[in-house]
Structure formats: C-alpha cells, structure tokens
Amino acid sequence: MILYPAIDVFGGRVVRLRQGEYDDSTVYGDDPVAVALSFVEQGAEWVHMVDLDAARSAEPVNRPLIARVAAALQGSASLQVGGGVRTVADAQELATAGVTRVVMGSAAVAQPSIVESVAQVVQVAVGLDHREGIAATHGWTETSGVSVAELLPQFPSASAFVITDISRDGMLVGSDIEGLTAAVASTSIPVIASGGVGELNHLVDLSRVGGLHGVIVGKALYEGRFTVREAVEVLR
C-alpha cells in the first residue's frame, strides 16, 4: 500500500478540517512547500494536496502555491491534487504546473463523461466523498443523492478512486473498513482510502483489505500520532 500524506491548503496555510466543516479548522503551518519536502525526506513517494479554497468557491487562488510544491518535489515524489478541479482547463493548468494526478469530485459526480476528457490530459482520480455512502459535493457542502456503489462503475478512464468517509475525516477513529472492502471488490480501478486514520494500528487494519491501493493520512501526522517514516514502514 502507498502512503499519501496530505496537505490541505486554505488561505495559503496548511490546515485540517473536522468532518469537512470549514468553520472547524486547525492551522498547522504557513509553508506547504516545507511540509511537502519533510514528507518526502521521510520516505513518501506521493504527496496529496487539497485546495480547500477552490473546492468551496471554485476560485483557484492556491494554484501558484501548488506549482511551487510541484517544482520542489520534481524528481523525488509525485503530486496528487484535488479541490476545484472542475474543467479540462483546470486539469491542464495543474498538469502544466507539474501535478502528476488530479482528483475530480464534484464535477465528476455531476458529469461522469468529463473524466474521460481529463484523462487525455493527465491522470485523474475520482474523489468520492460520502456521508453514510451518499456522495457529497462542492467542498462537502452539498449532497448528490447518489451512492458510492452506483458511481464506481461510471468512470472507466479513472486511474484511481479516492474514497473519503466524511464522518470520520479528522476524527482519528479509524477507517470505514467495511465500505472500503466493498468498494475494492466492486472495481478493478485502484482505491485509495481517506478519512479516519489516527494511529498505526489503523494502517494495519487497512493493510488487511486485500487489493487496497493506498491511504491518505493527514491529521494524525500533524498531531504527532506517528510519523511519515513510521507509516511507510508499517505499510511496507
């Protein structure tokens, strides 16, 4: 399994939200580039970034910052970026900036065919963020009314799925093992788990989900529950 240490950016700063609530955030730093480099120095092969400003408002104010992170990681790690990627032009801009893979959530759920168009430009992961199995969109502020199970077959051009249980995100209570197991069993496309990891034993639990491709970890790292180096070793 691959570790994807996460950097969520809001107003240019590194933050974490609790259960996707913008009014319930904690600031962990002012230098996302330094944070990304520290992850790679500890053995991370990928870094996962989310532009929370763009996810909520569609204003890509953090794109220059994302480009700086991509430049800093070039040749040493790959960068996956989500948040406000709603058009082919958005994806093209991020690809030009050096992003390896984009994550599309709201736009993909609303118009699945756009994923095939974006996949011609750059690798694309479909972000399926859900509450009790129902996909949420627009920075987790709206519900789609469509289940994750219904959405999984609709994206044959995706290079991965990022599945986030919003109720667990930032809560450090463990992942939705049952839901992830079902998702992995129902698609041949790699599945990346997101939300809930709070200790190394949670990574061990995820490693037992046969076929799970990777896991995104954020708050547990910033809270000092374990390090990137320790997580990489456990997942190996």
Foldseek 3Di string as FASTA:
>chain_A
DAEAEEFEADPQFGKFAALLDPVRIDTQGNQPLVVLVVLLVLPHQEYEYEDLVCLQPVPPPCLVVLLSNLVSCPPRHAYEYEHNCQALVSLLSNVVSRHQEYEAEANCLVPVVRLVVNLVRHAYEYEAEDEPQFGAGSSNPGTPRDGPLVSLVSHPSHQEYEYEHSNQAPVQAAFPLVVVLVSQVRDPHAYEYEGRNQALVSLVSVLPSPRHDYYYDYPNCSVPRDHSNVNVVSSD
